[in-house]
Amino acid sequence: MKHILTFIVACALFAGISNAAEPLNTVCPVSGKPASPAITSNYSKTVAVCCNKCKAQFTATPKAYLANIIGAVTGQCPLSKKKADPSITVNYSRQVAFADAASKAAFDAAPDKHIKEVRQ
């Protein structure tokens, strides 16, 4: 039974959620102080892209396209700048740690403003 549960967990991790394996940041993106793994928030943004080629590019290195995702214009592919196909989407998501509750609240109020400051 233990081996079956281990296999199921491994499969779930392998299938994974985008960026799920990315470690928590150690510096708070709002205050610049050491981040606490006990104070976290989830950042997630989904946008439409123009084609499966752009989707594959994003999926291979999502963090490389973070600025494109944040600045996405509705109806425009953030990678190619062509017309987006609403049926083809990508999602950037990650868990973010903070130094204190006030920093978490500031992030939650304007996540696109602070997400670029998240470092390992």
N, C-alpha and C. Protein backbone atom coordinates (compact mmCIF):
# COMPACT_ATOMS: atom_id res chain seq x y z
N MET A 1 0.82 -1.18 0.00
CA MET A 1 0.00 0.00 0.00
C MET A 1 0.87 1.25 0.00
N LYS A 2 1.96 1.24 0.80
CA LYS A 2 2.86 2.39 0.87
C LYS A 2 3.45 2.70 -0.50
N HIS A 3 3.80 1.67 -1.25
CA HIS A 3 4.39 1.86 -2.57
C HIS A 3 3.37 2.43 -3.55
N ILE A 4 2.14 2.03 -3.42
CA ILE A 4 1.09 2.56 -4.29
C ILE A 4 0.89 4.05 -4.03
N LEU A 5 0.84 4.44 -2.76
CA LEU A 5 0.68 5.86 -2.43
C LEU A 5 1.88 6.66 -2.91
N THR A 6 3.07 6.13 -2.75
CA THR A 6 4.27 6.82 -3.24
C THR A 6 4.20 6.99 -4.75
N PHE A 7 3.76 5.97 -5.45
CA PHE A 7 3.63 6.04 -6.90
C PHE A 7 2.61 7.09 -7.31
N ILE A 8 1.48 7.14 -6.61
CA ILE A 8 0.43 8.11 -6.94
C ILE A 8 0.95 9.54 -6.72
N VAL A 9 1.63 9.76 -5.61
CA VAL A 9 2.18 11.09 -5.33
C VAL A 9 3.22 11.46 -6.39
N ALA A 10 4.08 10.53 -6.74
CA ALA A 10 5.10 10.80 -7.76
C ALA A 10 4.46 11.15 -9.10
N CYS A 11 3.42 10.42 -9.47
CA CYS A 11 2.72 10.72 -10.73
C CYS A 11 2.08 12.10 -10.68
N ALA A 12 1.49 12.43 -9.57
CA ALA A 12 0.85 13.75 -9.43
C ALA A 12 1.89 14.85 -9.54
N LEU A 13 3.05 14.64 -8.91
CA LEU A 13 4.11 15.64 -9.00
C LEU A 13 4.68 15.73 -10.40
N PHE A 14 4.81 14.58 -11.07
CA PHE A 14 5.33 14.57 -12.43
C PHE A 14 4.38 15.29 -13.37
N ALA A 15 3.08 15.02 -13.25
CA ALA A 15 2.09 15.70 -14.08
C ALA A 15 2.09 17.18 -13.73
N GLY A 16 2.18 17.45 -12.44
CA GLY A 16 2.42 18.76 -11.88
C GLY A 16 1.52 19.90 -12.28
N ILE A 17 1.56 20.88 -11.44
CA ILE A 17 0.94 22.16 -11.72
C ILE A 17 2.07 23.05 -12.15
N SER A 18 1.82 23.98 -13.07
CA SER A 18 2.85 24.86 -13.57
C SER A 18 3.65 25.47 -12.42
N ASN A 19 4.96 25.31 -12.46
CA ASN A 19 5.88 25.89 -11.50
C ASN A 19 5.73 25.32 -10.09
N ALA A 20 5.02 24.23 -9.89
CA ALA A 20 4.79 23.71 -8.55
C ALA A 20 6.11 23.32 -7.88
N ALA A 21 7.10 22.91 -8.65
CA ALA A 21 8.37 22.48 -8.09
C ALA A 21 9.27 23.66 -7.72
N GLU A 22 8.90 24.86 -8.11
CA GLU A 22 9.71 26.03 -7.83
C GLU A 22 9.74 26.29 -6.33
N PRO A 23 10.92 26.40 -5.74
CA PRO A 23 11.00 26.60 -4.29
C PRO A 23 10.48 27.97 -3.87
N LEU A 24 10.08 28.07 -2.63
CA LEU A 24 9.64 29.36 -2.10
C LEU A 24 10.80 30.34 -2.13
N ASN A 25 10.45 31.58 -2.37
CA ASN A 25 11.45 32.64 -2.33
C ASN A 25 11.92 32.85 -0.89
N THR A 26 13.16 33.30 -0.72
CA THR A 26 13.71 33.51 0.61
C THR A 26 13.70 34.99 1.01
N VAL A 27 13.44 35.87 0.05
CA VAL A 27 13.38 37.31 0.31
C VAL A 27 11.98 37.80 -0.04
N CYS A 28 11.38 38.56 0.84
CA CYS A 28 10.04 39.11 0.62
C CYS A 28 10.09 40.09 -0.56
N PRO A 29 9.22 39.92 -1.56
CA PRO A 29 9.23 40.81 -2.72
C PRO A 29 8.72 42.23 -2.43
N VAL A 30 8.08 42.42 -1.29
CA VAL A 30 7.54 43.74 -0.94
C VAL A 30 8.49 44.48 -0.02
N SER A 31 8.92 43.84 1.08
CA SER A 31 9.74 44.52 2.08
C SER A 31 11.25 44.35 1.88
N GLY A 32 11.64 43.29 1.19
CA GLY A 32 13.06 43.00 1.03
C GLY A 32 13.67 42.28 2.21
N LYS A 33 12.86 41.98 3.22
CA LYS A 33 13.32 41.26 4.42
C LYS A 33 13.25 39.76 4.16
N PRO A 34 13.87 38.95 5.04
CA PRO A 34 13.77 37.50 4.88
C PRO A 34 12.30 37.05 4.90
N ALA A 35 11.95 36.17 3.97
CA ALA A 35 10.58 35.68 3.84
C ALA A 35 10.34 34.50 4.77
N SER A 36 9.12 34.39 5.25
CA SER A 36 8.72 33.28 6.11
C SER A 36 7.88 32.28 5.31
N PRO A 37 8.23 31.01 5.34
CA PRO A 37 7.44 30.02 4.62
C PRO A 37 6.04 29.83 5.22
N ALA A 38 5.79 30.44 6.38
CA ALA A 38 4.47 30.34 7.01
C ALA A 38 3.49 31.40 6.49
N ILE A 39 4.01 32.43 5.80
CA ILE A 39 3.15 33.50 5.28
C ILE A 39 3.28 33.49 3.75
N THR A 40 2.29 32.93 3.08
CA THR A 40 2.38 32.78 1.63
C THR A 40 1.09 33.21 0.93
N SER A 41 1.22 33.40 -0.35
CA SER A 41 0.09 33.71 -1.22
C SER A 41 0.36 33.02 -2.55
N ASN A 42 -0.68 32.72 -3.28
CA ASN A 42 -0.52 32.11 -4.60
C ASN A 42 -0.77 33.14 -5.67
N TYR A 43 0.17 33.26 -6.60
CA TYR A 43 0.03 34.15 -7.76
C TYR A 43 -0.32 33.28 -8.94
N SER A 44 -1.29 33.70 -9.71
CA SER A 44 -1.68 32.94 -10.90
C SER A 44 -2.26 33.89 -11.94
N LYS A 45 -1.84 33.72 -13.17
CA LYS A 45 -2.36 34.55 -14.26
C LYS A 45 -2.46 33.68 -15.51
N THR A 46 -3.64 33.65 -16.11
CA THR A 46 -3.88 32.88 -17.32
C THR A 46 -4.14 33.85 -18.47
N VAL A 47 -3.48 33.60 -19.60
CA VAL A 47 -3.68 34.43 -20.79
C VAL A 47 -3.77 33.54 -22.02
N ALA A 48 -4.43 34.06 -23.04
CA ALA A 48 -4.53 33.34 -24.31
C ALA A 48 -3.32 33.65 -25.16
N VAL A 49 -2.87 32.65 -25.91
CA VAL A 49 -1.77 32.81 -26.86
C VAL A 49 -2.30 32.51 -28.26
N CYS A 50 -1.47 32.74 -29.28
CA CYS A 50 -1.96 32.60 -30.65
C CYS A 50 -1.92 31.18 -31.19
N CYS A 51 -0.98 30.37 -30.68
CA CYS A 51 -0.79 29.04 -31.28
C CYS A 51 -0.12 28.09 -30.30
N ASN A 52 -0.06 26.84 -30.68
CA ASN A 52 0.58 25.83 -29.83
C ASN A 52 2.10 26.00 -29.76
N LYS A 53 2.70 26.63 -30.77
CA LYS A 53 4.14 26.90 -30.73
C LYS A 53 4.45 27.87 -29.59
N CYS A 54 3.67 28.94 -29.47
CA CYS A 54 3.87 29.89 -28.38
C CYS A 54 3.59 29.22 -27.03
N LYS A 55 2.57 28.37 -26.99
CA LYS A 55 2.25 27.66 -25.76
C LYS A 55 3.42 26.78 -25.34
N ALA A 56 4.03 26.08 -26.30
CA ALA A 56 5.17 25.21 -26.00
C ALA A 56 6.37 26.02 -25.53
N GLN A 57 6.61 27.17 -26.15
CA GLN A 57 7.71 28.04 -25.73
C GLN A 57 7.51 28.47 -24.28
N PHE A 58 6.30 28.91 -23.96
CA PHE A 58 5.99 29.35 -22.61
C PHE A 58 6.15 28.20 -21.62
N THR A 59 5.60 27.05 -21.96
CA THR A 59 5.62 25.89 -21.07
C THR A 59 7.06 25.45 -20.77
N ALA A 60 7.95 25.58 -21.74
CA ALA A 60 9.34 25.17 -21.55
C ALA A 60 10.06 26.07 -20.54
N THR A 61 9.79 27.37 -20.57
CA THR A 61 10.47 28.31 -19.66
C THR A 61 9.51 29.44 -19.26
N PRO A 62 8.54 29.14 -18.41
CA PRO A 62 7.51 30.13 -18.07
C PRO A 62 8.05 31.41 -17.45
N LYS A 63 9.06 31.30 -16.60
CA LYS A 63 9.58 32.50 -15.94
C LYS A 63 10.20 33.47 -16.94
N ALA A 64 10.72 32.96 -18.04
CA ALA A 64 11.32 33.82 -19.07
C ALA A 64 10.28 34.74 -19.71
N TYR A 65 9.03 34.34 -19.65
CA TYR A 65 7.96 35.11 -20.29
C TYR A 65 7.06 35.84 -19.28
N LEU A 66 7.51 35.92 -18.03
CA LEU A 66 6.69 36.55 -17.00
C LEU A 66 6.33 37.99 -17.35
N ALA A 67 7.29 38.79 -17.81
CA ALA A 67 7.00 40.18 -18.16
C ALA A 67 5.95 40.25 -19.28
N ASN A 68 6.02 39.31 -20.23
CA ASN A 68 5.04 39.27 -21.31
C ASN A 68 3.65 38.97 -20.76
N ILE A 69 3.57 38.04 -19.82
CA ILE A 69 2.29 37.63 -19.24
C ILE A 69 1.69 38.78 -18.43
N ILE A 70 2.52 39.46 -17.64
CA ILE A 70 2.03 40.58 -16.83
C ILE A 70 1.50 41.70 -17.72
N GLY A 71 2.21 41.98 -18.80
CA GLY A 71 1.81 43.08 -19.68
C GLY A 71 0.89 42.67 -20.81
N ALA A 72 0.29 41.48 -20.73
CA ALA A 72 -0.55 40.98 -21.81
C ALA A 72 -1.73 41.91 -22.09
N VAL A 73 -1.97 42.11 -23.37
CA VAL A 73 -3.11 42.90 -23.84
C VAL A 73 -4.20 41.92 -24.26
N THR A 74 -5.41 42.14 -23.79
CA THR A 74 -6.52 41.24 -24.14
C THR A 74 -6.65 41.13 -25.65
N GLY A 75 -6.69 39.89 -26.13
CA GLY A 75 -6.86 39.64 -27.56
C GLY A 75 -5.55 39.54 -28.32
N GLN A 76 -4.42 39.77 -27.64
CA GLN A 76 -3.12 39.72 -28.29
C GLN A 76 -2.23 38.69 -27.59
N CYS A 77 -1.56 37.86 -28.38
CA CYS A 77 -0.63 36.88 -27.83
C CYS A 77 0.53 37.63 -27.18
N PRO A 78 0.82 37.36 -25.90
CA PRO A 78 1.90 38.08 -25.25
C PRO A 78 3.30 37.67 -25.72
N LEU A 79 3.40 36.58 -26.46
CA LEU A 79 4.70 36.15 -26.95
C LEU A 79 4.96 36.66 -28.37
N SER A 80 4.01 36.43 -29.29
CA SER A 80 4.23 36.80 -30.69
C SER A 80 3.63 38.15 -31.06
N LYS A 81 2.72 38.65 -30.24
CA LYS A 81 1.97 39.90 -30.47
C LYS A 81 0.94 39.75 -31.60
N LYS A 82 0.70 38.51 -32.05
CA LYS A 82 -0.35 38.24 -33.03
C LYS A 82 -1.69 38.14 -32.30
N LYS A 83 -2.76 37.98 -33.06
CA LYS A 83 -4.09 37.82 -32.46
C LYS A 83 -4.11 36.52 -31.66
N ALA A 84 -4.58 36.61 -30.42
CA ALA A 84 -4.64 35.44 -29.54
C ALA A 84 -5.84 34.57 -29.88
N ASP A 85 -5.68 33.28 -29.67
CA ASP A 85 -6.75 32.31 -29.83
C ASP A 85 -7.26 31.98 -28.43
N PRO A 86 -8.48 32.41 -28.08
CA PRO A 86 -8.98 32.19 -26.72
C PRO A 86 -9.06 30.73 -26.29
N SER A 87 -8.98 29.81 -27.24
CA SER A 87 -9.03 28.40 -26.87
C SER A 87 -7.66 27.84 -26.50
N ILE A 88 -6.59 28.63 -26.70
CA ILE A 88 -5.23 28.19 -26.35
C ILE A 88 -4.71 29.13 -25.28
N THR A 89 -4.56 28.60 -24.07
CA THR A 89 -4.12 29.45 -22.95
C THR A 89 -2.90 28.88 -22.26
N VAL A 90 -2.21 29.77 -21.55
CA VAL A 90 -1.09 29.38 -20.69
C VAL A 90 -1.34 30.00 -19.33
N ASN A 91 -0.74 29.39 -18.30
CA ASN A 91 -0.92 29.89 -16.95
C ASN A 91 0.43 29.97 -16.25
N TYR A 92 0.72 31.14 -15.70
CA TYR A 92 1.91 31.29 -14.86
C TYR A 92 1.41 31.30 -13.43
N SER A 93 1.97 30.43 -12.60
CA SER A 93 1.56 30.41 -11.20
C SER A 93 2.74 30.02 -10.34
N ARG A 94 2.73 30.54 -9.13
CA ARG A 94 3.73 30.16 -8.16
C ARG A 94 3.30 30.60 -6.78
N GLN A 95 3.84 29.95 -5.78
CA GLN A 95 3.59 30.31 -4.39
C GLN A 95 4.67 31.30 -3.97
N VAL A 96 4.26 32.36 -3.29
CA VAL A 96 5.17 33.43 -2.89
C VAL A 96 5.15 33.56 -1.36
N ALA A 97 6.33 33.70 -0.76
CA ALA A 97 6.45 33.87 0.69
C ALA A 97 6.73 35.33 1.02
N PHE A 98 6.31 35.75 2.23
CA PHE A 98 6.44 37.15 2.66
C PHE A 98 7.05 37.23 4.05
N ALA A 99 7.56 38.42 4.38
CA ALA A 99 8.16 38.66 5.69
C ALA A 99 7.09 38.83 6.76
N ASP A 100 5.95 39.41 6.38
CA ASP A 100 4.90 39.70 7.37
C ASP A 100 3.55 39.82 6.67
N ALA A 101 2.50 39.90 7.48
CA ALA A 101 1.14 39.97 6.95
C ALA A 101 0.89 41.24 6.15
N ALA A 102 1.52 42.35 6.53
CA ALA A 102 1.34 43.61 5.80
C ALA A 102 1.92 43.50 4.39
N SER A 103 3.06 42.83 4.24
CA SER A 103 3.66 42.64 2.92
C SER A 103 2.77 41.74 2.06
N LYS A 104 2.21 40.69 2.66
CA LYS A 104 1.30 39.79 1.94
C LYS A 104 0.07 40.57 1.46
N ALA A 105 -0.47 41.43 2.32
CA ALA A 105 -1.64 42.22 1.95
C ALA A 105 -1.32 43.18 0.80
N ALA A 106 -0.14 43.79 0.84
CA ALA A 106 0.27 44.69 -0.24
C ALA A 106 0.41 43.93 -1.55
N PHE A 107 0.98 42.72 -1.48
CA PHE A 107 1.13 41.88 -2.67
C PHE A 107 -0.24 41.47 -3.21
N ASP A 108 -1.10 41.01 -2.31
CA ASP A 108 -2.43 40.55 -2.74
C ASP A 108 -3.25 41.68 -3.36
N ALA A 109 -3.00 42.92 -2.95
CA ALA A 109 -3.72 44.07 -3.51
C ALA A 109 -3.24 44.41 -4.92
N ALA A 110 -1.98 44.14 -5.23
CA ALA A 110 -1.43 44.47 -6.56
C ALA A 110 -0.36 43.45 -6.93
N PRO A 111 -0.77 42.19 -7.18
CA PRO A 111 0.23 41.14 -7.42
C PRO A 111 1.09 41.37 -8.66
N ASP A 112 0.51 41.90 -9.74
CA ASP A 112 1.31 42.12 -10.95
C ASP A 112 2.43 43.14 -10.70
N LYS A 113 2.21 44.05 -9.77
CA LYS A 113 3.22 45.06 -9.45
C LYS A 113 4.43 44.43 -8.75
N HIS A 114 4.19 43.42 -7.94
CA HIS A 114 5.26 42.85 -7.10
C HIS A 114 5.84 41.52 -7.59
N ILE A 115 5.17 40.81 -8.46
CA ILE A 115 5.61 39.46 -8.82
C ILE A 115 7.00 39.45 -9.44
N LYS A 116 7.35 40.49 -10.16
CA LYS A 116 8.68 40.53 -10.79
C LYS A 116 9.81 40.60 -9.76
N GLU A 117 9.47 41.00 -8.53
CA GLU A 117 10.48 41.11 -7.48
C GLU A 117 10.73 39.79 -6.76
N VAL A 118 9.99 38.75 -7.10
CA VAL A 118 10.16 37.45 -6.43
C VAL A 118 11.45 36.82 -6.93
N ARG A 119 12.34 36.56 -6.00
CA ARG A 119 13.62 35.93 -6.29
C ARG A 119 13.75 34.68 -5.43
N GLN A 120 14.63 33.79 -5.81
CA GLN A 120 14.87 32.58 -5.03
C GLN A 120 15.56 32.94 -3.79
